[in-house]
Amino acid sequence: MREWHDEEGWGVLDCPETPGGCWGHYSDIQADGFRTLAPGQRVGLEWEAPGFQQDGYDYRAVSIVP
């Protein structure tokens, strides 16, 4: 987890398969209650390359498991 913006509900995740970062939204976090992440936190990540940029990122998370 590179960065997370609670007030906006999104952040950037890094993994070797997503060079430049992967955009993630709170709705993709697989958890109950208030869904948030912390910079430096390790997570499980499923992602897609939608063919367009999401806020400047080529990759978008489809499932984030804290």
N, C-alpha and C. Protein backbone atom coordinates (compact mmCIF):
# COMPACT_ATOMS: atom_id res chain seq x y z
N MET A 1 0.85 -1.17 0.00
CA MET A 1 0.00 0.00 0.00
C MET A 1 0.90 1.23 0.00
N ARG A 2 0.83 1.98 -1.08
CA ARG A 2 1.66 3.19 -1.19
C ARG A 2 1.03 4.38 -0.47
N GLU A 3 -0.23 4.65 -0.77
CA GLU A 3 -0.91 5.80 -0.15
C GLU A 3 -2.41 5.54 -0.11
N TRP A 4 -3.09 6.15 0.86
CA TRP A 4 -4.53 6.00 0.98
C TRP A 4 -5.14 7.31 1.44
N HIS A 5 -6.27 7.69 0.82
CA HIS A 5 -6.96 8.94 1.13
C HIS A 5 -8.35 8.61 1.68
N ASP A 6 -8.47 8.52 3.00
CA ASP A 6 -9.77 8.19 3.62
C ASP A 6 -10.87 9.14 3.20
N GLU A 7 -10.55 10.45 3.16
CA GLU A 7 -11.57 11.44 2.86
C GLU A 7 -12.12 11.31 1.44
N GLU A 8 -11.32 10.71 0.53
CA GLU A 8 -11.76 10.52 -0.85
C GLU A 8 -12.08 9.06 -1.17
N GLY A 9 -11.64 8.15 -0.30
CA GLY A 9 -11.97 6.74 -0.46
C GLY A 9 -11.17 5.99 -1.52
N TRP A 10 -9.96 6.43 -1.80
CA TRP A 10 -9.13 5.73 -2.78
C TRP A 10 -7.66 5.82 -2.40
N GLY A 11 -6.87 4.99 -3.09
CA GLY A 11 -5.44 4.99 -2.85
C GLY A 11 -4.69 4.29 -3.96
N VAL A 12 -3.38 4.14 -3.76
CA VAL A 12 -2.51 3.53 -4.75
C VAL A 12 -1.79 2.36 -4.11
N LEU A 13 -1.87 1.22 -4.78
CA LEU A 13 -1.22 -0.01 -4.32
C LEU A 13 -0.10 -0.36 -5.29
N ASP A 14 0.98 -0.93 -4.77
CA ASP A 14 2.10 -1.33 -5.61
C ASP A 14 2.29 -2.84 -5.57
N CYS A 15 2.58 -3.42 -6.73
CA CYS A 15 3.00 -4.80 -6.82
C CYS A 15 3.80 -4.95 -8.11
N PRO A 16 4.64 -5.97 -8.21
CA PRO A 16 5.50 -6.11 -9.40
C PRO A 16 4.72 -6.17 -10.71
N GLU A 17 3.50 -6.69 -10.68
CA GLU A 17 2.71 -6.85 -11.90
C GLU A 17 2.02 -5.56 -12.34
N THR A 18 2.03 -4.51 -11.51
CA THR A 18 1.35 -3.26 -11.86
C THR A 18 2.33 -2.09 -11.80
N PRO A 19 3.28 -2.03 -12.75
CA PRO A 19 4.26 -0.95 -12.73
C PRO A 19 3.59 0.42 -12.78
N GLY A 20 4.04 1.31 -11.92
CA GLY A 20 3.46 2.64 -11.84
C GLY A 20 2.34 2.76 -10.83
N GLY A 21 1.88 1.63 -10.30
CA GLY A 21 0.85 1.64 -9.27
C GLY A 21 -0.51 1.18 -9.77
N CYS A 22 -1.33 0.79 -8.83
CA CYS A 22 -2.68 0.29 -9.11
C CYS A 22 -3.66 1.13 -8.29
N TRP A 23 -4.62 1.74 -8.96
CA TRP A 23 -5.63 2.57 -8.30
C TRP A 23 -6.61 1.65 -7.56
N GLY A 24 -6.94 1.99 -6.34
CA GLY A 24 -7.90 1.19 -5.58
C GLY A 24 -8.96 2.06 -4.93
N HIS A 25 -10.19 1.54 -4.85
CA HIS A 25 -11.32 2.25 -4.26
C HIS A 25 -11.78 1.50 -3.01
N TYR A 26 -12.30 2.24 -2.03
CA TYR A 26 -12.71 1.60 -0.78
C TYR A 26 -13.74 0.50 -1.01
N SER A 27 -14.57 0.62 -2.04
CA SER A 27 -15.60 -0.38 -2.29
C SER A 27 -15.02 -1.73 -2.70
N ASP A 28 -13.75 -1.76 -3.09
CA ASP A 28 -13.09 -3.01 -3.46
C ASP A 28 -12.40 -3.70 -2.29
N ILE A 29 -12.38 -3.06 -1.11
CA ILE A 29 -11.79 -3.66 0.08
C ILE A 29 -12.76 -4.70 0.63
N GLN A 30 -12.28 -5.91 0.78
CA GLN A 30 -13.12 -7.02 1.26
C GLN A 30 -13.12 -7.04 2.79
N ALA A 31 -13.95 -6.21 3.39
CA ALA A 31 -14.05 -6.11 4.84
C ALA A 31 -15.41 -5.53 5.21
N ASP A 32 -15.82 -5.74 6.45
CA ASP A 32 -17.06 -5.18 6.96
C ASP A 32 -16.77 -3.84 7.63
N GLY A 33 -17.80 -3.02 7.76
CA GLY A 33 -17.66 -1.75 8.45
C GLY A 33 -16.91 -0.72 7.62
N PHE A 34 -16.27 0.21 8.31
CA PHE A 34 -15.52 1.27 7.64
C PHE A 34 -14.30 0.66 6.96
N ARG A 35 -14.21 0.79 5.67
CA ARG A 35 -13.13 0.17 4.90
C ARG A 35 -12.05 1.19 4.60
N THR A 36 -10.86 0.92 5.14
CA THR A 36 -9.72 1.82 4.96
C THR A 36 -8.44 0.99 4.93
N LEU A 37 -7.38 1.59 4.45
CA LEU A 37 -6.07 0.96 4.43
C LEU A 37 -5.05 1.96 4.93
N ALA A 38 -3.85 1.48 5.25
CA ALA A 38 -2.80 2.35 5.75
C ALA A 38 -1.55 2.22 4.88
N PRO A 39 -0.86 3.32 4.62
CA PRO A 39 0.38 3.22 3.86
C PRO A 39 1.32 2.20 4.49
N GLY A 40 1.93 1.38 3.66
CA GLY A 40 2.83 0.33 4.14
C GLY A 40 2.15 -0.98 4.47
N GLN A 41 0.82 -0.97 4.56
CA GLN A 41 0.07 -2.19 4.87
C GLN A 41 0.18 -3.18 3.72
N ARG A 42 0.39 -4.46 4.03
CA ARG A 42 0.42 -5.52 3.02
C ARG A 42 -1.00 -6.03 2.81
N VAL A 43 -1.38 -6.18 1.56
CA VAL A 43 -2.72 -6.63 1.22
C VAL A 43 -2.67 -7.64 0.08
N GLY A 44 -3.72 -8.43 -0.03
CA GLY A 44 -3.92 -9.26 -1.21
C GLY A 44 -4.60 -8.40 -2.27
N LEU A 45 -4.21 -8.59 -3.52
CA LEU A 45 -4.71 -7.71 -4.57
C LEU A 45 -5.06 -8.48 -5.83
N GLU A 46 -6.26 -8.26 -6.33
CA GLU A 46 -6.64 -8.68 -7.67
C GLU A 46 -6.87 -7.40 -8.44
N TRP A 47 -6.41 -7.35 -9.68
CA TRP A 47 -6.47 -6.12 -10.45
C TRP A 47 -6.82 -6.40 -11.90
N GLU A 48 -7.11 -5.31 -12.63
CA GLU A 48 -7.38 -5.40 -14.05
C GLU A 48 -6.69 -4.24 -14.75
N ALA A 49 -6.46 -4.40 -16.03
CA ALA A 49 -5.95 -3.33 -16.88
C ALA A 49 -7.10 -2.96 -17.82
N PRO A 50 -7.92 -1.96 -17.45
CA PRO A 50 -9.15 -1.70 -18.18
C PRO A 50 -8.99 -1.11 -19.57
N GLY A 51 -7.77 -0.73 -19.97
CA GLY A 51 -7.58 -0.15 -21.29
C GLY A 51 -7.72 1.36 -21.32
N PHE A 52 -7.94 1.95 -20.16
CA PHE A 52 -7.96 3.40 -20.01
C PHE A 52 -7.37 3.72 -18.65
N GLN A 53 -6.94 4.94 -18.45
CA GLN A 53 -6.35 5.30 -17.17
C GLN A 53 -7.43 5.70 -16.17
N GLN A 54 -7.27 5.19 -14.96
CA GLN A 54 -8.14 5.56 -13.83
C GLN A 54 -7.35 6.54 -12.99
N ASP A 55 -7.69 7.81 -13.05
CA ASP A 55 -6.99 8.86 -12.31
C ASP A 55 -5.48 8.81 -12.54
N GLY A 56 -5.07 8.49 -13.77
CA GLY A 56 -3.64 8.48 -14.11
C GLY A 56 -2.94 7.15 -13.95
N TYR A 57 -3.67 6.09 -13.59
CA TYR A 57 -3.08 4.76 -13.38
C TYR A 57 -3.61 3.78 -14.42
N ASP A 58 -2.71 2.94 -14.95
CA ASP A 58 -3.09 1.97 -15.97
C ASP A 58 -3.79 0.75 -15.40
N TYR A 59 -3.69 0.55 -14.09
CA TYR A 59 -4.26 -0.63 -13.43
C TYR A 59 -5.27 -0.20 -12.40
N ARG A 60 -6.30 -1.05 -12.20
CA ARG A 60 -7.37 -0.76 -11.24
C ARG A 60 -7.63 -2.01 -10.42
N ALA A 61 -7.72 -1.86 -9.11
CA ALA A 61 -8.01 -2.99 -8.23
C ALA A 61 -9.45 -3.43 -8.42
N VAL A 62 -9.68 -4.74 -8.36
CA VAL A 62 -11.04 -5.27 -8.37
C VAL A 62 -11.36 -5.98 -7.04
N SER A 63 -10.31 -6.32 -6.28
CA SER A 63 -10.48 -6.91 -4.96
C SER A 63 -9.24 -6.64 -4.13
N ILE A 64 -9.44 -6.09 -2.93
CA ILE A 64 -8.34 -5.81 -2.00
C ILE A 64 -8.67 -6.52 -0.70
N VAL A 65 -7.77 -7.40 -0.26
CA VAL A 65 -7.99 -8.16 0.98
C VAL A 65 -6.95 -7.73 2.01
N PRO A 66 -7.41 -7.02 3.07
CA PRO A 66 -6.46 -6.57 4.11
C PRO A 66 -5.84 -7.74 4.85
